[in-house]
Amino acid sequence: MSTYNTTLFKRSLSPAARTDGTASGVAVDRAVNGGMQDAVVLVSTGTVTDGSHAVAIQDSADGSTDWQAVPAAQLLGSPPTLVEANDDTVYEVGVLSTRRYLRVVAVTTGATTGAIFSAGIVLGRPRFAPVSR
């Protein structure tokens, strides 16, 4: 079966220019299509002009409350902190969370013009395939 039939990509943080503050991404439901067992967070940058942009991955049981940082022991790789040298880069972080919902959060400090970036989550290894779109 092809990758197309066994994976889904879901947006969490839309592409945007980010300056000081916190951007909380859209919740991604891992139970979509009968349950996706694997997740990889992708962070894609455009131009990073200034500031520090700390990316974090959070999970929740219900998708609206009790958001918590996914423990480092449940991550394959580390969420990036974006700075000026990170233009046009894609970062990947595997997530082993057992909680149903995931989202990406970015905290930006010291930025005047900031950075343009987005984040999404690739879901894979479905309990039932092919996945529906």
Protein backbone atom coordinates (compact mmCIF):
# COMPACT_ATOMS: atom_id res chain seq x y z
CA MET A 1 0.00 0.00 0.00
CA SER A 2 1.33 3.46 -0.87
CA THR A 3 2.36 6.21 1.52
CA TYR A 4 -0.57 8.26 0.22
CA ASN A 5 -2.96 5.58 1.52
CA THR A 6 -1.36 5.36 4.97
CA THR A 7 -0.51 8.96 5.96
CA LEU A 8 -2.25 12.29 6.49
CA PHE A 9 -0.81 15.78 6.88
CA LYS A 10 -2.64 18.18 9.22
CA ARG A 11 -1.86 21.88 9.74
CA SER A 12 -1.26 23.10 13.28
CA LEU A 13 0.39 26.54 12.81
CA SER A 14 -0.48 28.31 9.56
CA PRO A 15 2.34 30.09 7.73
CA ALA A 16 2.65 33.57 9.23
CA ALA A 17 5.12 36.24 10.27
CA ARG A 18 5.49 35.93 14.03
CA THR A 19 6.71 38.60 16.43
CA ASP A 20 6.74 38.67 20.25
CA GLY A 21 4.09 36.51 21.85
CA THR A 22 2.70 32.98 21.90
CA ALA A 23 1.06 31.27 18.94
CA SER A 24 -0.93 28.14 19.82
CA GLY A 25 -1.59 25.84 16.90
CA VAL A 26 -4.79 24.08 15.94
CA ALA A 27 -5.40 20.74 17.69
CA VAL A 28 -4.75 17.67 15.51
CA ASP A 29 -6.82 14.58 16.31
CA ARG A 30 -4.77 11.38 16.11
CA ALA A 31 -7.97 9.29 16.18
CA VAL A 32 -8.96 10.50 12.71
CA ASN A 33 -9.68 7.69 10.25
CA GLY A 34 -9.92 5.07 12.98
CA GLY A 35 -6.68 5.97 14.68
CA MET A 36 -3.24 7.03 13.55
CA GLN A 37 -0.55 5.53 15.72
CA ASP A 38 2.49 7.57 14.62
CA ALA A 39 3.10 11.31 14.40
CA VAL A 40 5.90 13.51 13.06
CA VAL A 41 5.87 17.27 13.57
CA LEU A 42 7.24 19.31 10.66
CA VAL A 43 8.33 22.92 11.18
CA SER A 44 9.08 24.82 7.97
CA THR A 45 10.75 28.23 7.99
CA GLY A 46 10.84 31.03 5.49
CA THR A 47 12.80 34.15 6.43
CA VAL A 48 13.94 34.51 10.05
CA THR A 49 15.03 38.11 10.56
CA ASP A 50 15.32 38.45 14.32
CA GLY A 51 14.21 37.18 17.71
CA SER A 52 14.09 33.73 19.24
CA HIS A 53 11.19 31.44 18.31
CA ALA A 54 10.95 28.44 20.65
CA VAL A 55 8.79 25.65 19.25
CA ALA A 56 7.09 23.18 21.61
CA ILE A 57 4.85 20.17 21.08
CA GLN A 58 1.88 19.73 23.39
CA ASP A 59 -0.69 17.00 23.88
CA SER A 60 -4.17 16.78 25.40
CA ALA A 61 -6.69 14.04 26.11
CA ASP A 62 -9.70 16.07 24.89
CA GLY A 63 -8.22 18.65 22.50
CA SER A 64 -9.39 21.72 24.39
CA THR A 65 -8.05 21.56 27.96
CA ASP A 66 -5.06 20.26 29.93
CA TRP A 67 -2.48 20.94 27.21
CA GLN A 68 0.93 19.78 28.41
CA ALA A 69 4.38 19.72 26.86
CA VAL A 70 5.15 16.27 25.48
CA PRO A 71 8.01 14.95 27.66
CA ALA A 72 11.44 14.77 25.99
CA ALA A 73 11.44 10.98 26.53
CA GLN A 74 8.44 10.79 24.14
CA LEU A 75 10.13 12.79 21.36
CA LEU A 76 12.45 11.55 18.65
CA GLY A 77 14.64 14.59 18.14
CA SER A 78 14.11 18.00 19.68
CA PRO A 79 11.74 20.85 18.81
CA PRO A 80 13.80 23.70 17.33
CA THR A 81 14.40 27.20 18.56
CA LEU A 82 14.51 29.34 15.43
CA VAL A 83 17.03 32.18 15.11
CA GLU A 84 18.41 34.21 12.19
CA ALA A 85 20.52 31.41 10.69
CA ASN A 86 17.45 29.17 10.24
CA ASP A 87 16.05 30.53 6.94
CA ASP A 88 14.42 28.04 4.56
CA THR A 89 14.81 25.00 6.82
CA VAL A 90 12.55 22.05 7.63
CA TYR A 91 12.73 20.36 11.04
CA GLU A 92 11.24 16.96 11.88
CA VAL A 93 10.41 15.66 15.36
CA GLY A 94 8.86 12.24 16.01
CA VAL A 95 6.18 12.08 18.71
CA LEU A 96 5.44 8.99 20.81
CA SER A 97 2.64 10.58 22.85
CA THR A 98 -0.22 8.35 23.95
CA ARG A 99 -2.66 11.22 24.31
CA ARG A 100 -5.18 11.74 21.50
CA TYR A 101 -4.57 15.37 20.45
CA LEU A 102 -1.38 17.17 19.47
CA ARG A 103 -0.58 20.80 18.67
CA VAL A 104 2.46 22.96 18.04
CA VAL A 105 3.09 26.10 20.09
CA ALA A 106 5.65 28.83 19.32
CA VAL A 107 6.85 31.40 21.86
CA THR A 108 8.61 34.38 20.26
CA THR A 109 10.77 36.86 22.18
CA GLY A 110 13.06 39.71 21.14
CA ALA A 111 11.54 40.05 17.68
CA THR A 112 10.84 43.26 15.77
CA THR A 113 10.13 41.81 12.34
CA GLY A 114 10.28 38.18 13.52
CA ALA A 115 10.12 35.04 11.42
CA ILE A 116 7.87 33.42 8.88
CA PHE A 117 7.22 29.76 9.64
CA SER A 118 4.55 27.11 9.87
CA ALA A 119 4.10 23.72 11.52
CA GLY A 120 2.09 20.65 10.70
CA ILE A 121 1.79 17.06 11.81
CA VAL A 122 2.15 13.99 9.62
CA LEU A 123 0.03 11.14 10.96
CA GLY A 124 0.86 7.58 9.98
CA ARG A 125 0.53 3.88 10.69
CA PRO A 126 -3.28 3.84 10.66
CA ARG A 127 -5.21 1.10 12.41
CA PHE A 128 -7.36 0.87 9.28
CA ALA A 129 -6.09 1.59 5.77
CA PRO A 130 -6.48 3.11 3.33
CA VAL A 131 -7.13 6.42 5.07
CA SER A 132 -9.95 8.62 3.80
CA ARG A 133 -9.34 12.23 2.86
